[in-house]
Protein backbone atom coordinates (compact mmCIF):
# COMPACT_ATOMS: atom_id res chain seq x y z
CA MET A 1 43.32 22.59 39.28
CA CYS A 2 40.87 21.31 41.70
CA GLN A 3 38.71 18.23 40.60
CA ARG A 4 35.48 20.41 41.00
CA CYS A 5 36.88 22.93 38.70
CA VAL A 6 38.15 19.83 36.13
CA GLN A 7 34.62 18.76 35.59
CA ARG A 8 32.60 21.73 35.71
CA PRO A 9 33.00 22.03 31.46
CA VAL A 10 32.26 18.82 31.06
CA GLU A 11 29.25 19.58 33.21
CA ILE A 12 28.56 22.65 31.50
CA SER A 13 29.12 20.87 27.86
CA THR A 14 26.94 18.29 28.89
CA LEU A 15 23.91 20.64 29.82
CA LYS A 16 24.82 22.73 27.00
CA ARG A 17 23.72 19.69 24.77
CA LEU A 18 21.06 18.79 26.33
CA GLY A 19 19.43 21.99 26.43
CA TYR A 20 20.03 22.17 22.40
CA GLN A 21 18.52 18.46 22.33
CA LEU A 22 15.92 19.90 24.27
CA LEU A 23 15.01 22.76 22.53
CA ALA A 24 15.71 20.52 19.39
CA GLU A 25 12.58 18.57 20.42
CA VAL A 26 10.86 21.19 21.15
CA GLU A 27 10.91 22.87 17.66
CA GLY A 28 9.74 18.62 16.46
CA MET A 29 6.63 18.56 19.11
CA PRO A 30 4.36 19.39 16.10
CA ALA A 31 5.48 15.66 14.21
CA ALA A 32 6.09 14.24 17.64
CA TYR A 33 2.16 15.49 18.62
CA GLN A 34 0.44 14.96 15.30
CA HIS A 35 1.44 10.53 15.28
CA LEU A 36 -0.09 10.32 18.40
CA ARG A 37 -2.30 12.24 18.14
CA VAL A 38 -3.60 10.33 15.01
CA ARG A 39 -2.80 7.12 17.46
CA PHE A 40 -5.77 8.69 19.88
CA ARG A 41 -8.15 8.94 17.20
CA VAL A 42 -7.83 5.78 16.14
CA GLU A 43 -8.41 4.18 19.31
CA GLN A 44 -11.82 6.43 19.33
CA THR A 45 -12.42 4.55 16.70
CA ARG A 46 -11.39 0.78 17.65
CA LEU A 47 -13.26 1.35 20.63
CA LEU A 48 -16.80 2.77 18.55
CA ASN A 49 -16.38 -0.26 16.01
CA TRP A 50 -15.98 -2.89 19.02
CA GLY A 51 -19.17 -0.60 20.24
CA GLU A 52 -21.18 -1.26 17.17
CA LYS A 53 -19.91 -4.86 17.36
CA VAL A 54 -21.44 -6.11 20.77
CA GLY A 55 -24.87 -3.92 20.57
CA LEU A 56 -23.77 -0.65 22.41
CA VAL A 57 -24.94 1.87 19.61
CA GLU A 58 -28.45 3.23 20.12
CA GLU A 59 -29.82 1.02 17.12
CA LEU A 60 -28.80 -2.15 18.21
CA LEU A 61 -29.21 -2.27 22.53
CA ASP A 62 -32.67 -4.26 21.17
CA HIS A 63 -29.83 -6.84 19.56
CA ARG A 64 -26.59 -7.33 22.75
CA SER A 65 -24.02 -9.51 21.97
CA LYS A 66 -23.84 -12.23 24.58
CA THR A 67 -20.49 -11.22 25.46
CA LEU A 68 -22.11 -8.20 27.07
CA GLN A 69 -24.43 -10.57 29.00
CA LEU A 70 -21.23 -13.03 30.11
CA ASN A 71 -19.13 -10.63 31.27
CA ARG A 72 -20.94 -7.12 32.24
CA ASN A 73 -19.11 -6.26 35.20
CA LEU A 74 -16.08 -6.85 33.61
CA VAL A 75 -16.88 -4.73 30.17
CA PHE A 76 -18.33 -2.28 32.87
CA ASP A 77 -15.32 -1.76 34.97
CA ILE A 78 -12.88 -1.41 31.20
CA LEU A 79 -15.31 1.28 30.14
CA LEU A 80 -14.66 3.01 33.12
CA GLU A 81 -10.60 2.69 32.68
CA ILE A 82 -11.66 3.51 29.22
CA GLN A 83 -12.77 6.53 29.73
CA ALA A 84 -10.72 8.27 32.76
CA LEU A 85 -8.18 7.27 29.59
CA PHE A 86 -10.03 9.24 26.83
CA LYS A 87 -10.07 12.43 29.38
CA ASP A 88 -6.78 12.54 30.14
CA CYS A 89 -5.97 11.83 25.99
CA VAL A 90 -8.42 14.86 25.43
CA LYS A 91 -7.31 17.32 28.09
CA ILE A 92 -3.96 17.29 26.67
CA THR A 93 -5.18 17.64 22.83
CA ASP A 94 -7.20 20.61 23.80
CA LYS A 95 -3.57 21.86 24.83
CA TYR A 96 -1.85 21.42 22.96
CA ASP A 97 -3.74 21.37 19.25
CA HIS A 98 -3.55 25.39 19.19
CA LYS A 99 0.38 25.09 19.04
CA VAL A 100 -0.09 22.63 15.74
CA PRO A 101 -0.46 24.18 12.34
CA LEU A 102 -2.72 21.33 11.21
CA LYS A 103 -3.37 22.98 8.04
CA GLN A 104 -0.98 25.31 6.92
CA ASP A 105 -2.01 28.23 4.42
CA PRO A 106 1.51 27.80 1.84
CA ALA A 107 0.99 31.82 1.73
CA GLN A 108 1.50 31.94 5.16
CA VAL A 109 4.73 29.91 5.46
CA GLU A 110 7.86 31.89 5.34
CA ALA A 111 9.84 30.07 2.59
CA PRO A 112 13.00 32.47 2.92
CA PHE A 113 13.84 31.00 6.04
CA ASP A 114 16.54 29.03 4.82
CA ARG A 115 18.48 31.95 2.96
CA ARG A 116 17.99 33.65 6.39
CA PHE A 117 21.64 31.52 7.51
CA PRO A 118 24.65 31.22 5.98
CA ARG A 119 24.52 27.69 4.35
CA GLY A 120 26.24 25.08 6.48
CA THR A 121 24.70 26.76 9.41
CA ASN A 122 24.49 23.63 11.95
CA ALA A 123 21.40 21.64 11.71
CA VAL A 124 20.58 21.96 15.30
CA LEU A 125 21.36 25.61 16.16
CA THR A 126 19.24 26.48 13.21
CA LYS A 127 16.14 24.14 14.59
CA ILE A 128 17.31 26.32 17.71
CA LEU A 129 16.87 29.88 15.99
CA ASN A 130 13.93 28.61 14.71
CA VAL A 131 12.34 28.07 17.98
CA VAL A 132 13.47 31.31 19.16
CA GLU A 133 11.44 33.24 16.37
CA ASN A 134 8.45 31.70 17.53
CA ALA A 135 8.82 32.80 20.88
CA PRO A 136 5.34 33.25 22.16
CA GLN A 137 4.99 28.90 21.60
CA VAL A 138 8.11 28.33 23.15
CA GLY A 139 6.58 28.22 26.88
CA GLY A 140 3.60 25.53 26.31
CA ARG A 141 6.51 23.58 23.79
CA LEU A 142 8.96 23.26 25.88
CA LYS A 143 6.13 21.80 29.09
CA TRP A 144 5.49 19.59 26.00
CA ALA A 145 9.34 18.24 25.62
CA MET A 146 9.54 17.98 29.26
CA VAL A 147 6.66 16.27 30.64
CA LYS A 148 3.68 15.87 28.71
CA HIS A 149 5.40 14.06 25.54
CA GLU A 150 5.98 11.00 27.48
CA ALA A 151 3.02 11.78 29.11
CA PHE A 152 0.81 11.44 26.81
CA LYS A 153 2.13 8.17 24.84
CA ALA A 154 2.62 6.59 28.11
CA THR A 155 -1.71 7.23 28.16
CA LEU A 156 -1.88 6.28 24.82
CA GLU A 157 -0.13 3.26 25.35
CA LYS A 158 -2.72 1.86 28.21
CA LEU A 159 -5.76 3.10 25.78
CA ILE A 160 -3.91 0.75 23.77
CA GLY A 161 -4.04 -1.72 25.94
CA TYR A 162 -7.42 -1.86 27.19
CA ASN A 163 -9.09 -1.50 24.11
CA ASP A 164 -6.66 -4.79 23.21
CA ALA A 165 -7.98 -6.14 26.16
CA ILE A 166 -11.96 -5.70 25.70
CA GLU A 167 -11.69 -7.49 22.09
CA GLY A 168 -9.72 -10.12 23.35
CA LEU A 169 -13.59 -10.87 25.07
CA LEU A 170 -14.91 -11.34 21.28
CA ASP A 171 -14.52 -14.70 19.77
CA ARG A 172 -12.11 -15.42 17.52
CA THR A 173 -14.66 -14.34 14.45
CA SER A 174 -15.90 -10.84 15.99
CA ILE A 175 -12.01 -10.13 16.90
CA GLY A 176 -10.98 -11.05 12.84
CA GLN A 177 -14.08 -9.25 11.61
CA LEU A 178 -12.62 -5.84 14.28
CA HIS A 179 -9.61 -6.01 12.72
CA GLU A 180 -11.15 -6.21 9.36
CA MET A 181 -12.46 -3.01 10.20
CA GLN A 182 -9.65 -1.78 12.03
CA HIS A 183 -7.73 -2.64 8.49
CA GLN A 184 -10.49 -0.36 6.43
CA THR A 185 -9.45 2.48 8.78
CA TYR A 186 -5.91 2.31 7.77
CA MET A 187 -5.88 1.80 3.93
CA VAL A 188 -8.99 4.67 3.92
CA MET A 189 -6.40 6.90 6.07
CA LEU A 190 -3.72 5.73 3.37
CA GLN A 191 -5.92 6.61 0.86
CA LEU A 192 -6.49 10.45 2.08
CA ASN A 193 -3.19 11.37 2.98
CA SER A 194 -0.59 11.53 0.21
CA LYS A 195 1.91 14.34 1.82
CA VAL A 196 5.12 12.56 2.75
CA ASP A 197 5.14 14.19 6.43
CA GLU A 198 1.73 13.25 6.84
CA LEU A 199 2.18 9.45 5.22
CA LYS A 200 5.71 9.28 8.58
CA GLN A 201 3.20 10.49 10.89
CA MET A 202 0.30 7.77 10.02
CA SER A 203 3.26 5.35 10.26
CA MET A 204 4.54 6.11 13.57
CA ALA A 205 1.32 6.34 15.02
CA ILE A 206 0.64 2.67 13.77
CA GLN A 207 3.53 1.48 15.34
CA VAL A 208 2.62 2.63 19.45
CA LYS A 209 2.15 -0.22 21.06
CA THR A 210 0.64 -1.07 24.39
CA GLN A 211 2.26 -1.54 27.67
CA PRO A 212 1.86 -3.90 29.85
CA LEU A 213 -1.60 -3.48 31.87
CA ASP A 214 -1.42 -2.34 35.80
CA ARG A 215 -1.42 -5.34 38.39
CA GLN A 216 -4.27 -2.94 39.74
CA THR A 217 -6.72 -3.26 36.47
CA PRO A 218 -9.46 -5.41 36.96
CA ASN A 219 -8.88 -9.34 36.38
CA GLY A 220 -9.74 -11.24 33.31
CA LEU A 221 -7.60 -8.71 31.04
CA SER A 222 -5.03 -11.23 29.74
CA ARG A 223 -5.53 -11.09 25.45
CA ALA A 224 -3.82 -14.58 23.47
CA SER A 225 -0.70 -14.00 22.58
CA THR A 226 -1.35 -14.84 19.04
CA LEU A 227 -3.70 -12.77 18.60
CA VAL A 228 -1.67 -9.42 19.80
CA ALA A 229 1.37 -11.10 17.55
CA GLY A 230 -1.26 -11.19 14.40
CA GLN A 231 -2.42 -7.96 15.55
CA ASP A 232 1.35 -6.52 15.86
CA ASP A 233 2.06 -8.24 12.70
CA GLU A 234 -0.26 -6.49 10.99
CA ASN A 235 0.17 -2.87 12.27
CA ALA A 236 4.18 -3.25 11.19
CA SER A 237 3.22 -4.12 7.61
CA LEU A 238 0.51 -1.31 7.54
CA ALA A 239 3.29 0.83 8.57
CA GLY A 240 5.57 -0.33 6.16
CA LEU A 241 3.01 0.28 3.60
CA ALA A 242 2.79 3.65 4.95
CA ASP A 243 6.63 4.11 4.44
CA PHE A 244 6.75 2.77 1.26
CA LYS A 245 4.25 5.23 0.09
CA ALA A 246 6.19 8.53 1.64
CA ARG A 247 8.97 7.17 -0.25
CA GLN A 248 7.32 7.05 -3.04
CA ARG A 249 6.44 10.32 -3.43
CA GLN A 250 9.88 11.98 -2.38
CA VAL A 251 10.94 9.62 -5.69
CA GLU A 252 8.24 11.74 -7.68
CA GLN A 253 9.15 14.36 -5.92
CA GLU A 254 13.10 14.61 -7.78
CA GLY A 255 11.70 13.18 -10.69
CA LEU A 256 13.97 13.96 -13.73
CA SER A 257 16.70 14.18 -10.55
CA VAL A 258 16.42 10.41 -9.57
CA ASN A 259 20.46 9.30 -9.32
CA LEU A 260 20.19 5.82 -10.90
CA GLN A 261 22.31 4.81 -13.28
CA PRO A 262 21.82 2.18 -15.68
CA ILE A 263 23.57 -1.73 -14.98
CA ARG A 264 26.53 -1.56 -17.30
CA ALA A 265 26.26 -4.38 -20.46
CA ASP A 266 29.05 -5.94 -19.48
CA ALA A 267 27.61 -6.68 -16.21
CA VAL A 268 24.80 -8.75 -17.62
CA VAL A 269 25.16 -11.96 -19.76
CA LEU A 270 21.90 -13.06 -21.10
CA LYS A 271 20.90 -16.88 -21.04
CA SER A 272 18.31 -16.30 -23.59
CA SER A 273 16.70 -13.65 -25.76
CA ASP A 274 13.28 -13.23 -25.86
CA SER A 275 11.22 -10.17 -26.59
CA THR A 276 9.19 -9.97 -22.62
CA ARG A 277 11.24 -12.45 -20.65
CA SER A 278 14.98 -13.34 -20.58
CA GLU A 279 17.14 -15.46 -18.28
CA ALA A 280 20.55 -13.76 -17.70
CA VAL A 281 23.21 -13.97 -15.47
CA TYR A 282 24.02 -10.66 -13.21
CA PHE A 283 27.85 -10.99 -11.61
CA GLY A 284 26.99 -14.68 -11.32
CA LYS A 285 23.97 -14.72 -9.84
CA SER A 286 21.08 -15.98 -11.70
CA VAL A 287 18.28 -13.25 -12.80
CA TRP A 288 15.11 -12.64 -14.95
CA ILE A 289 14.69 -10.04 -17.02
CA GLU A 290 11.46 -8.28 -18.03
CA TRP A 291 11.35 -5.94 -21.52
CA LYS A 292 10.39 -2.52 -21.46
CA GLY A 293 11.09 -1.36 -25.46
CA TYR A 294 9.13 0.81 -27.67
CA ALA A 295 10.13 2.37 -31.31
CA LEU A 296 11.66 5.65 -31.85
CA ASP A 297 9.23 8.17 -33.17
CA ASN A 298 10.51 12.16 -34.37
CA ARG A 299 6.53 12.42 -33.69
CA PHE A 300 7.04 12.78 -30.19
CA PRO A 301 9.38 15.50 -28.82
CA PRO A 302 12.55 15.28 -27.21
CA SER A 303 11.33 15.14 -23.79
CA TRP A 304 9.11 12.37 -24.10
CA ASP A 305 12.40 9.66 -24.18
CA ARG A 306 13.72 11.76 -20.90
CA MET A 307 10.09 11.18 -19.48
CA ILE A 308 10.10 7.20 -20.27
CA GLU A 309 13.68 7.21 -18.80
CA ASP A 310 13.11 8.61 -15.75
CA ARG A 311 9.95 6.30 -15.11
CA VAL A 312 11.84 3.53 -15.65
CA LYS A 313 14.03 4.93 -13.18
CA GLN A 314 11.82 5.44 -10.86
CA LEU A 315 10.14 2.21 -11.08
CA ALA A 316 13.43 0.59 -10.95
CA LYS A 317 14.18 2.21 -7.52
CA LEU A 318 11.08 1.91 -6.01
CA LEU A 319 10.56 -2.37 -7.21
CA GLY A 320 14.20 -2.39 -6.01
CA SER A 321 12.79 -0.85 -2.37
CA PRO A 322 14.16 -2.67 0.85
CA GLY A 323 10.97 -2.20 2.47
CA LYS A 324 8.30 -2.50 -0.33
CA PRO A 325 5.79 -4.16 0.95
CA LYS A 326 5.43 -8.10 0.79
CA GLU A 327 1.46 -8.01 -0.26
CA PHE A 328 2.33 -5.95 -3.31
CA ARG A 329 4.06 -9.49 -4.71
CA ALA A 330 5.99 -7.75 -6.55
CA PRO A 331 9.54 -8.90 -7.44
CA GLN A 332 12.96 -7.75 -6.29
CA CYS A 333 14.60 -4.89 -8.27
CA LEU A 334 18.14 -4.87 -9.04
CA GLY A 335 18.28 -2.10 -11.63
CA TYR A 336 17.85 -1.58 -14.83
CA ILE A 337 20.11 -2.15 -18.84
CA GLU A 338 19.24 0.10 -21.63
CA GLU A 339 19.91 -1.35 -25.40
CA LYS A 340 19.23 1.11 -28.00
CA SER A 341 19.48 1.00 -31.87
CA GLU A 342 18.52 3.49 -34.98
CA GLU A 343 15.01 2.56 -34.48
CA LYS A 344 13.65 1.01 -31.14
CA ARG A 345 15.43 1.98 -27.76
CA SER A 346 14.89 -1.49 -24.47
CA PHE A 347 14.63 -1.07 -21.42
CA GLY A 348 15.33 -4.19 -19.50
CA PHE A 349 14.38 -4.78 -15.43
CA VAL A 350 16.61 -6.85 -13.77
CA TYR A 351 14.58 -8.95 -11.05
CA GLU A 352 16.03 -11.14 -8.60
CA LYS A 353 14.55 -14.58 -7.85
CA PRO A 354 12.94 -15.48 -4.65
CA GLY A 355 15.88 -17.05 -2.41
CA ASP A 356 14.57 -20.39 -1.48
CA VAL A 357 14.48 -21.43 -5.36
CA ALA A 358 17.55 -22.74 -7.72
CA SER A 359 19.21 -20.71 -9.57
CA THR A 360 17.78 -22.94 -12.41
CA THR A 361 14.69 -22.62 -11.74
CA LYS A 362 12.37 -20.34 -14.29
CA PRO A 363 9.49 -18.31 -13.74
CA VAL A 364 6.35 -19.28 -15.20
CA SER A 365 3.40 -18.01 -16.14
CA LEU A 366 -0.51 -18.39 -14.80
CA LEU A 367 -1.17 -18.50 -18.66
CA GLU A 368 1.82 -21.33 -18.75
CA LEU A 369 0.18 -23.26 -16.61
CA ILE A 370 -3.09 -22.95 -17.87
CA LYS A 371 -2.32 -24.41 -20.93
CA THR A 372 -0.28 -26.85 -20.11
CA THR A 373 -1.48 -28.15 -16.70
CA LYS A 374 -5.44 -29.95 -15.65
CA MET A 375 -7.83 -27.47 -13.68
CA PRO A 376 -6.47 -27.32 -10.04
CA SER A 377 -9.01 -27.42 -6.91
CA LEU A 378 -10.80 -24.94 -6.16
CA THR A 379 -9.04 -24.41 -3.15
CA LYS A 380 -6.14 -23.30 -4.61
CA ARG A 381 -8.09 -21.28 -7.34
CA ARG A 382 -9.35 -19.11 -4.66
CA ALA A 383 -6.28 -18.89 -3.30
CA LEU A 384 -4.78 -17.46 -6.28
CA ALA A 385 -7.76 -15.21 -6.90
CA GLN A 386 -7.18 -13.80 -3.49
CA ALA A 387 -3.48 -13.19 -3.47
CA ILE A 388 -3.55 -11.27 -6.64
CA SER A 389 -6.67 -9.27 -6.30
CA GLN A 390 -4.84 -8.12 -2.71
CA SER A 391 -1.86 -7.67 -4.61
CA LEU A 392 -3.55 -4.89 -7.17
CA MET A 393 -5.77 -3.63 -3.94
CA TYR A 394 -2.27 -3.05 -2.32
CA LEU A 395 -0.58 -1.37 -5.36
CA HIS A 396 -3.54 1.13 -5.84
CA SER A 397 -3.38 2.50 -3.03
CA VAL A 398 0.18 4.09 -3.49
CA ASN A 399 -1.83 5.34 -6.10
CA TRP A 400 -0.25 3.90 -9.09
CA LEU A 401 -1.42 2.36 -12.11
CA HIS A 402 -0.41 -0.96 -12.87
CA LYS A 403 -1.35 -1.25 -16.95
CA GLY A 404 -0.31 -4.49 -17.71
CA ILE A 405 -2.64 -6.83 -15.51
CA ARG A 406 -3.34 -10.36 -17.80
CA SER A 407 -2.27 -14.08 -16.76
CA ASN A 408 1.02 -13.74 -18.72
CA ASN A 409 2.13 -10.72 -16.54
CA VAL A 410 1.69 -13.90 -12.81
CA VAL A 411 4.51 -15.89 -12.57
CA PHE A 412 5.45 -18.42 -10.18
CA PHE A 413 8.67 -20.22 -8.92
CA ALA A 414 9.48 -23.74 -7.70
CA GLN A 415 12.17 -26.14 -7.00
CA PRO A 416 12.72 -28.48 -10.07
CA GLY A 417 10.22 -31.49 -9.66
CA ASN A 418 8.16 -29.66 -7.29
CA GLU A 419 4.66 -27.92 -8.57
CA VAL A 420 4.16 -24.31 -7.61
CA THR A 421 2.17 -23.13 -5.24
CA LEU A 422 -0.66 -20.72 -6.53
CA ALA A 423 -1.29 -19.15 -3.68
CA GLU A 424 2.55 -17.23 -3.51
CA PRO A 425 2.24 -15.74 -7.14
CA VAL A 426 4.39 -12.82 -8.33
CA LEU A 427 3.11 -9.88 -10.22
CA SER A 428 5.20 -8.64 -13.17
CA GLY A 429 5.10 -6.58 -16.17
CA PHE A 430 5.19 -3.27 -15.02
CA GLU A 431 7.01 -1.56 -18.07
CA TYR A 432 3.65 0.49 -18.55
CA ALA A 433 3.11 1.27 -14.45
CA ARG A 434 2.84 4.71 -13.52
CA PRO A 435 1.46 6.64 -10.59
CA ASP A 436 -1.77 8.13 -11.05
CA LEU A 437 -1.74 11.49 -9.97
CA THR A 438 -3.05 14.01 -12.17
CA GLY A 439 0.05 15.72 -14.04
CA GLU A 440 1.45 12.64 -14.94
CA MET A 441 1.67 11.79 -18.49
CA THR A 442 0.60 8.40 -19.79
CA GLU A 443 2.09 6.33 -22.17
CA PRO A 444 0.28 4.31 -24.80
CA THR A 445 0.83 0.68 -24.94
CA PRO A 446 1.18 -1.15 -28.36
CA ARG A 447 -1.73 -1.20 -30.51
CA TYR A 448 -3.54 -3.58 -31.70
CA SER A 449 -1.72 -6.56 -29.32
CA GLU A 450 -3.13 -9.96 -28.65
CA ASN A 451 -2.96 -8.71 -24.74
CA ASP A 452 -6.20 -6.18 -26.03
CA VAL A 453 -8.64 -9.18 -24.97
CA TYR A 454 -7.97 -8.24 -20.67
CA LYS A 455 -8.38 -4.48 -21.77
CA HIS A 456 -11.26 -2.25 -21.01
CA PRO A 457 -12.46 -1.66 -24.91
CA HIS A 458 -12.62 2.09 -23.61
CA THR A 459 -8.74 2.17 -23.50
CA LEU A 460 -8.96 0.76 -27.05
CA SER A 461 -10.24 4.13 -29.18
CA ILE A 462 -8.30 6.13 -31.90
CA ALA A 463 -8.44 9.01 -28.99
CA ARG A 464 -6.79 6.40 -26.36
CA PRO A 465 -7.88 8.36 -22.67
CA ARG A 466 -5.48 8.18 -19.89
CA SER A 467 -5.34 4.80 -17.86
CA LYS A 468 -7.94 4.44 -14.50
CA LYS A 469 -7.87 2.16 -11.35
CA SER A 470 -10.83 0.60 -13.14
CA ASP A 471 -9.07 -0.28 -15.90
CA ASP A 472 -6.90 -2.11 -13.54
CA VAL A 473 -9.61 -3.53 -11.64
CA TYR A 474 -11.61 -4.87 -15.54
CA SER A 475 -8.09 -6.70 -16.59
CA MET A 476 -8.17 -7.93 -12.90
CA GLY A 477 -11.93 -9.48 -13.52
CA VAL A 478 -10.61 -11.30 -17.10
CA VAL A 479 -8.07 -13.12 -15.18
CA LEU A 480 -10.11 -14.21 -12.72
CA ILE A 481 -12.63 -15.50 -15.32
CA GLU A 482 -9.66 -17.30 -16.66
CA ILE A 483 -8.66 -18.73 -13.05
CA ALA A 484 -12.47 -19.98 -12.37
CA HIS A 485 -12.30 -21.71 -16.17
CA TRP A 486 -8.64 -22.46 -15.95
CA ARG A 487 -9.44 -22.11 -19.65
CA SER A 488 -7.19 -18.39 -21.35
CA ILE A 489 -9.71 -15.89 -22.15
CA ALA A 490 -9.21 -15.98 -25.67
CA ASP A 491 -10.34 -19.52 -25.96
CA ILE A 492 -13.27 -18.57 -23.89
CA VAL A 493 -14.39 -15.92 -26.32
CA SER A 494 -13.10 -18.18 -29.07
CA LEU A 495 -10.93 -15.13 -30.26
CA PRO A 496 -10.20 -15.48 -33.82
CA LYS A 497 -6.70 -16.52 -34.66
CA ASP A 498 -6.39 -13.79 -37.34
CA THR A 499 -5.35 -10.60 -36.11
CA LYS A 500 -7.84 -8.64 -38.40
CA ALA A 501 -10.34 -10.75 -37.53
CA ALA A 502 -9.50 -10.56 -33.90
CA ARG A 503 -9.13 -6.88 -33.62
CA ALA A 504 -12.83 -6.38 -34.82
CA MET A 505 -13.51 -8.91 -31.96
CA VAL A 506 -11.95 -7.95 -28.33
CA LYS A 507 -14.24 -4.50 -28.53
CA LYS A 508 -16.72 -6.68 -27.93
CA VAL A 509 -15.55 -8.99 -25.42
CA ARG A 510 -16.88 -6.59 -22.33
CA GLY A 511 -20.83 -7.28 -23.46
CA MET A 512 -20.20 -11.17 -23.90
CA LEU A 513 -18.46 -11.33 -20.49
CA ILE A 514 -21.27 -9.14 -18.19
CA GLU A 515 -24.40 -11.07 -19.90
CA ARG A 516 -26.18 -13.52 -17.61
CA GLU A 517 -25.54 -16.71 -19.11
CA PHE A 518 -22.20 -16.50 -18.68
CA LEU A 519 -21.98 -15.28 -15.57
CA GLU A 520 -24.28 -17.82 -14.48
CA GLY A 521 -21.40 -20.15 -15.93
CA ILE A 522 -19.08 -18.79 -13.56
CA GLU A 523 -21.25 -18.94 -10.60
CA GLY A 524 -21.34 -23.01 -11.64
CA ILE A 525 -17.88 -23.58 -11.06
CA ALA A 526 -16.62 -21.47 -8.18
CA GLY A 527 -19.50 -20.27 -6.57
CA GLU A 528 -21.87 -17.29 -6.48
CA LEU A 529 -19.71 -15.26 -3.92
CA TYR A 530 -16.60 -15.17 -6.61
CA GLN A 531 -19.15 -14.80 -9.44
CA GLU A 532 -20.52 -11.38 -7.49
CA ALA A 533 -16.84 -10.20 -7.58
CA VAL A 534 -16.14 -10.86 -11.09
CA ARG A 535 -19.25 -9.16 -12.10
CA LYS A 536 -18.23 -6.27 -9.94
CA CYS A 537 -15.01 -6.11 -11.70
CA LEU A 538 -16.10 -6.07 -15.16
CA THR A 539 -19.49 -3.79 -14.61
CA GLY A 540 -16.89 -0.79 -13.20
CA GLY A 541 -18.42 2.61 -12.74
CA GLU A 542 -21.05 2.80 -9.30
CA GLU A 543 -20.18 -0.80 -9.04
CA LEU A 544 -16.41 0.36 -7.82
CA GLY A 545 -18.03 2.83 -5.50
CA LEU A 546 -17.80 5.63 -8.23
CA SER A 547 -20.05 7.67 -9.49
CA LYS A 548 -20.03 9.23 -13.07
CA ASN A 549 -17.31 11.13 -14.62
CA ALA A 550 -15.54 10.71 -10.99
CA ASP A 551 -11.52 11.80 -10.89
CA GLU A 552 -10.35 8.73 -9.93
CA THR A 553 -7.29 10.78 -8.80
CA ASP A 554 -9.05 12.74 -5.95
CA PRO A 555 -7.75 10.30 -3.14
CA GLU A 556 -11.41 10.91 -1.31
CA VAL A 557 -12.83 8.91 -4.49
CA GLY A 558 -9.78 6.44 -4.57
CA ALA A 559 -10.61 5.89 -0.77
CA ALA A 560 -14.45 4.94 -1.84
CA MET A 561 -13.03 2.74 -4.61
CA TYR A 562 -10.88 1.19 -1.99
CA GLU A 563 -13.73 0.14 0.11
CA THR A 564 -15.93 -1.18 -2.14
CA TYR A 565 -13.17 -2.71 -4.18
CA SER A 566 -11.53 -4.26 -0.58
CA LYS A 567 -15.48 -5.02 0.64
CA ASP A 568 -17.19 -6.32 -2.41
CA ILE A 569 -14.00 -8.17 -4.37
CA VAL A 570 -11.04 -9.37 -2.44
CA GLY A 571 -14.09 -9.86 0.24
CA ARG A 572 -16.16 -11.34 -1.26
CA ILE A 573 -13.36 -14.35 -2.93
CA SER A 574 -12.24 -14.02 0.83
CA ASP A 575 -15.48 -15.36 1.90
CA MET A 576 -15.92 -18.14 -0.08
CA ARG A 577 -16.23 -21.74 1.66
CA VAL A 578 -14.83 -24.64 -0.27
């Protein structure tokens, strides 16, 4: 047989594989196109933010920045390049937008598609057959897969590069402010998107990076490598947050089917016994355990026990995710254990200790530090306040409620003989955490506990209303007060030792904390910006961007609340100069 004939089957086979791959890419075109389209919109926003910063918006033309005056010709050349790239992108979006169903009507989606093929059909073939069934769009999509996808991506990468360059002409303070504006844009997008596919597209969009600019482009377009690296790190962090929210949504959709079994009892050896937090050894590794217990009550249906166990599984799976954003400052969960008696059932979240601490190091809580150490400098207290207020912001950004914000649930690890680093807290106490979704059942926390002083008064009523993000924010405000005074809230408000008297007083605590005289005391200790952040946490409502009776599970309400919390609470604490 001639060599040519021997090669021919290989060539045909290769061509078939390439053809199948191409058609599969055509079917995936909407997703591939969408993330590029999202990034195009983001780059438009970046340019508008830059224009506002340098005074190019109409109302600021009389107050243009020195950047324009000193770099007029260079800025003009860059804007011409950007204009040309925008035109190229618009041509592509105008041509292909109609081929991508941005909002599908559920009634028009053919649900039985997966039943039209035998079970086990090759996945690639299924995609190809799906493409063939939508023949009118095949021509345009083939052109997209063969040519336009890479062209659009390359154009976007250049556009990102020019936006980077034009930002690089500003001073570092202005660049930092622009980055913060861009961060706000991404986080609001994260609030407004909750579908898994949308979140994955957002993650892909954030990760699109610039290409080196052409040699023919105007001189002076270099960007400090540290600024680029910093922006890339932040983008990677935001992409990770979007990926985590996508995984969280997938876990929520699994519901009771979450495949996670409790750790065998004989695999964990308890070294200390405590109803809240214990030291233990897990397969020879030093770990710590946080307990969630509840009394078995016949008043609740059997489905209640299943719901609680399912939520424990969800939490353990999410807190054990290797891609969990570091901004959560949440411990790494290795799994959970279960203990059950006739009267009580307990779950223990098994947490890994940070890798750089000794196995003998025990977690020490903020409450313990407040009671046993002298007041740290305002610089250190501000760093702590900033870290924990940010961690709550990120937790809320993926629609989870903590429901246990208090100083006993902020912990630290330190090497023996060393002081803890207040800027590196770990937020724990997730035993009552849950997704902040309309259909989620709320699990009541224990009545009349010593922790009630951290809770908003309305959550202590007999009716026990559903917990909300603003309730977590209120609790954060109480912890911020403790950090400012470096005293426990029980001591600050002189909470009675007698349990009955304490119960009667806790509902009045909020009124005491928002009194002008008390807030002025915080201003004297920590400054006006810190005092304003505390006031907004405690006051809530319109101070958090919420209208009366606002549904905090609504994505748009959540986005407005995030913007206010980020700017007026985290932002004010970050802006403190000490």
